[in-house]
Amino acid sequence: MSDGGVPVDLTDAEWDERIRPGGPPVLVDFWAPWCAPCRRMEPAIHDLAARYADRMVVARVDVDSEPRAAGRHDVLTLPTVILFLDGEPVERLTGAVKPKRLEAAVAAHLPEPRP
């Protein structure tokens, strides 16, 4: 399920291919290069991508370059992180949240790791 344990850049054109019913869980980080809180959360996003590579895909959407996905999901505040399961949003966090809160919110929805 992993994309190498690093966040993948997700485009509007790829959205339906990546975020779909029957697909893997996908954590999407909506961000922008000028957003200081987004930059503060970047290490936590990368950490989750590495540690949960076997259980979910972590993707990043630059809202300046890819505005349709942000509009489709009413992303009005940056950063916004949304976890999608089976193609549907199940968890949403807005603003810069502490890494432990982010992980707890995401981990609560993920399947148990395989032995």
C-alpha atoms as a PDB file:
ATOM      1  CA  MET A   1       0.000   0.000   0.000  1.00  0.00           C
ATOM      2  CA  SER A   2       2.954   2.272   0.547  1.00  0.00           C
ATOM      3  CA  ASP A   3       4.212   4.933  -1.787  1.00  0.00           C
ATOM      4  CA  GLY A   4       7.698   4.460  -0.393  1.00  0.00           C
ATOM      5  CA  GLY A   5       6.843   5.930   2.988  1.00  0.00           C
ATOM      6  CA  VAL A   6       6.855   9.507   1.714  1.00  0.00           C
ATOM      7  CA  PRO A   7       3.900  11.775   0.917  1.00  0.00           C
ATOM      8  CA  VAL A   8       2.884  11.802  -2.734  1.00  0.00           C
ATOM      9  CA  ASP A   9       1.901  14.978  -4.529  1.00  0.00           C
ATOM     10  CA  LEU A  10      -1.728  14.589  -5.564  1.00  0.00           C
ATOM     11  CA  THR A  11      -3.192  16.495  -8.503  1.00  0.00           C
ATOM     12  CA  ASP A  12      -6.804  17.270  -9.310  1.00  0.00           C
ATOM     13  CA  ALA A  13      -6.533  14.942 -12.317  1.00  0.00           C
ATOM     14  CA  GLU A  14      -5.405  12.018 -10.142  1.00  0.00           C
ATOM     15  CA  TRP A  15      -7.947  12.555  -7.358  1.00  0.00           C
ATOM     16  CA  ASP A  16     -10.560   9.990  -8.432  1.00  0.00           C
ATOM     17  CA  GLU A  17      -7.869   7.395  -9.116  1.00  0.00           C
ATOM     18  CA  ARG A  18      -6.326   7.755  -5.634  1.00  0.00           C
ATOM     19  CA  ILE A  19      -9.407   8.541  -3.504  1.00  0.00           C
ATOM     20  CA  ARG A  20     -11.900   5.843  -4.413  1.00  0.00           C
ATOM     21  CA  PRO A  21     -14.223   3.215  -2.975  1.00  0.00           C
ATOM     22  CA  GLY A  22     -12.267   0.025  -2.398  1.00  0.00           C
ATOM     23  CA  GLY A  23      -8.980   1.917  -2.396  1.00  0.00           C
ATOM     24  CA  PRO A  24      -6.538   2.186   0.481  1.00  0.00           C
ATOM     25  CA  PRO A  25      -6.988   4.740   3.264  1.00  0.00           C
ATOM     26  CA  VAL A  26      -5.564   8.070   2.138  1.00  0.00           C
ATOM     27  CA  LEU A  27      -4.543  10.932   4.388  1.00  0.00           C
ATOM     28  CA  VAL A  28      -4.616  14.159   2.367  1.00  0.00           C
ATOM     29  CA  ASP A  29      -2.721  17.234   3.540  1.00  0.00           C
ATOM     30  CA  PHE A  30      -4.093  20.398   1.892  1.00  0.00           C
ATOM     31  CA  TRP A  31      -1.336  23.013   2.050  1.00  0.00           C
ATOM     32  CA  ALA A  32       0.297  25.946   0.253  1.00  0.00           C
ATOM     33  CA  PRO A  33       3.961  26.979  -0.004  1.00  0.00           C
ATOM     34  CA  TRP A  34       3.276  30.374   1.622  1.00  0.00           C
ATOM     35  CA  CYS A  35       1.482  28.824   4.639  1.00  0.00           C
ATOM     36  CA  ALA A  36       3.710  28.912   7.753  1.00  0.00           C
ATOM     37  CA  PRO A  37       1.481  26.532   9.797  1.00  0.00           C
ATOM     38  CA  CYS A  38       1.616  24.097   6.864  1.00  0.00           C
ATOM     39  CA  ARG A  39       5.416  24.133   6.990  1.00  0.00           C
ATOM     40  CA  ARG A  40       5.311  23.485  10.750  1.00  0.00           C
ATOM     41  CA  MET A  41       3.152  20.393  10.191  1.00  0.00           C
ATOM     42  CA  GLU A  42       5.296  19.032   7.366  1.00  0.00           C
ATOM     43  CA  PRO A  43       7.593  16.916   9.607  1.00  0.00           C
ATOM     44  CA  ALA A  44       4.561  15.255  11.253  1.00  0.00           C
ATOM     45  CA  ILE A  45       3.028  14.493   7.851  1.00  0.00           C
ATOM     46  CA  HIS A  46       6.290  12.929   6.641  1.00  0.00           C
ATOM     47  CA  ASP A  47       6.590  10.953   9.880  1.00  0.00           C
ATOM     48  CA  LEU A  48       3.088   9.501   9.452  1.00  0.00           C
ATOM     49  CA  ALA A  49       3.849   8.604   5.841  1.00  0.00           C
ATOM     50  CA  ALA A  50       6.919   6.652   6.927  1.00  0.00           C
ATOM     51  CA  ARG A  51       5.454   4.966  10.004  1.00  0.00           C
ATOM     52  CA  TYR A  52       2.071   4.053   8.501  1.00  0.00           C
ATOM     53  CA  ALA A  53       3.260   3.163   4.990  1.00  0.00           C
ATOM     54  CA  ASP A  54       1.841  -0.347   5.342  1.00  0.00           C
ATOM     55  CA  ARG A  55      -1.615   0.940   6.377  1.00  0.00           C
ATOM     56  CA  MET A  56      -2.316   4.111   4.367  1.00  0.00           C
ATOM     57  CA  VAL A  57      -1.144   6.442   1.646  1.00  0.00           C
ATOM     58  CA  VAL A  58      -0.242   9.999   2.605  1.00  0.00           C
ATOM     59  CA  ALA A  59      -0.802  12.594  -0.091  1.00  0.00           C
ATOM     60  CA  ARG A  60      -0.298  16.344  -0.292  1.00  0.00           C
ATOM     61  CA  VAL A  61      -2.368  18.798  -2.333  1.00  0.00           C
ATOM     62  CA  ASP A  62      -0.926  22.242  -3.052  1.00  0.00           C
ATOM     63  CA  VAL A  63      -4.163  24.256  -3.092  1.00  0.00           C
ATOM     64  CA  ASP A  64      -2.623  26.993  -5.244  1.00  0.00           C
ATOM     65  CA  SER A  65      -1.701  24.520  -7.996  1.00  0.00           C
ATOM     66  CA  GLU A  66      -4.641  22.127  -7.544  1.00  0.00           C
ATOM     67  CA  PRO A  67      -7.676  24.180  -6.434  1.00  0.00           C
ATOM     68  CA  ARG A  68     -10.489  21.820  -7.511  1.00  0.00           C
ATOM     69  CA  ALA A  69      -9.859  19.198  -4.812  1.00  0.00           C
ATOM     70  CA  ALA A  70      -9.770  21.882  -2.134  1.00  0.00           C
ATOM     71  CA  GLY A  71     -13.021  23.411  -3.381  1.00  0.00           C
ATOM     72  CA  ARG A  72     -14.669  20.009  -3.665  1.00  0.00           C
ATOM     73  CA  HIS A  73     -14.015  19.400   0.043  1.00  0.00           C
ATOM     74  CA  ASP A  74     -14.674  22.932   1.347  1.00  0.00           C
ATOM     75  CA  VAL A  75     -11.081  23.514   2.402  1.00  0.00           C
ATOM     76  CA  LEU A  76     -11.159  27.110   3.632  1.00  0.00           C
ATOM     77  CA  THR A  77      -8.378  26.965   6.238  1.00  0.00           C
ATOM     78  CA  LEU A  78      -4.792  25.827   5.804  1.00  0.00           C
ATOM     79  CA  PRO A  79      -3.521  23.428   6.720  1.00  0.00           C
ATOM     80  CA  THR A  80      -6.451  21.032   6.505  1.00  0.00           C
ATOM     81  CA  VAL A  81      -5.856  17.298   6.792  1.00  0.00           C
ATOM     82  CA  ILE A  82      -8.583  14.852   5.770  1.00  0.00           C
ATOM     83  CA  LEU A  83      -8.505  11.068   6.110  1.00  0.00           C
ATOM     84  CA  PHE A  84     -10.452   9.205   3.433  1.00  0.00           C
ATOM     85  CA  LEU A  85     -11.596   5.616   3.934  1.00  0.00           C
ATOM     86  CA  ASP A  86     -13.255   3.779   1.075  1.00  0.00           C
ATOM     87  CA  GLY A  87     -13.275   7.080  -0.826  1.00  0.00           C
ATOM     88  CA  GLU A  88     -15.175   9.001   1.856  1.00  0.00           C
ATOM     89  CA  PRO A  89     -13.893  11.582   4.384  1.00  0.00           C
ATOM     90  CA  VAL A  90     -13.963  10.197   7.940  1.00  0.00           C
ATOM     91  CA  GLU A  91     -11.686  12.576   9.861  1.00  0.00           C
ATOM     92  CA  ARG A  92     -10.853  16.256   9.331  1.00  0.00           C
ATOM     93  CA  LEU A  93      -8.402  18.458  11.202  1.00  0.00           C
ATOM     94  CA  THR A  94      -7.875  22.143  10.451  1.00  0.00           C
ATOM     95  CA  GLY A  95      -5.064  24.424  11.465  1.00  0.00           C
ATOM     96  CA  ALA A  96      -1.686  23.411  12.827  1.00  0.00           C
ATOM     97  CA  VAL A  97      -2.327  20.551  15.218  1.00  0.00           C
ATOM     98  CA  LYS A  98       0.205  18.835  17.437  1.00  0.00           C
ATOM     99  CA  PRO A  99       1.723  15.649  15.978  1.00  0.00           C
ATOM    100  CA  LYS A 100       0.252  13.431  18.725  1.00  0.00           C
ATOM    101  CA  ARG A 101      -3.266  14.749  18.090  1.00  0.00           C
ATOM    102  CA  LEU A 102      -2.862  14.214  14.356  1.00  0.00           C
ATOM    103  CA  GLU A 103      -1.624  10.653  14.833  1.00  0.00           C
ATOM    104  CA  ALA A 104      -4.363   9.772  17.335  1.00  0.00           C
ATOM    105  CA  ALA A 105      -7.085  11.070  15.017  1.00  0.00           C
ATOM    106  CA  VAL A 106      -5.738   9.091  12.072  1.00  0.00           C
ATOM    107  CA  ALA A 107      -4.755   5.872  13.874  1.00  0.00           C
ATOM    108  CA  ALA A 108      -8.248   5.501  15.334  1.00  0.00           C
ATOM    109  CA  HIS A 109      -9.602   4.838  11.827  1.00  0.00           C
ATOM    110  CA  LEU A 110      -6.904   2.611  10.358  1.00  0.00           C
ATOM    111  CA  PRO A 111      -6.970  -1.161  10.137  1.00  0.00           C
ATOM    112  CA  GLU A 112      -4.661  -3.065  12.453  1.00  0.00           C
ATOM    113  CA  PRO A 113      -1.205  -3.740  11.032  1.00  0.00           C
ATOM    114  CA  ARG A 114      -0.620  -7.123   9.491  1.00  0.00           C
ATOM    115  CA  PRO A 115       1.682  -9.437  11.472  1.00  0.00           C
END
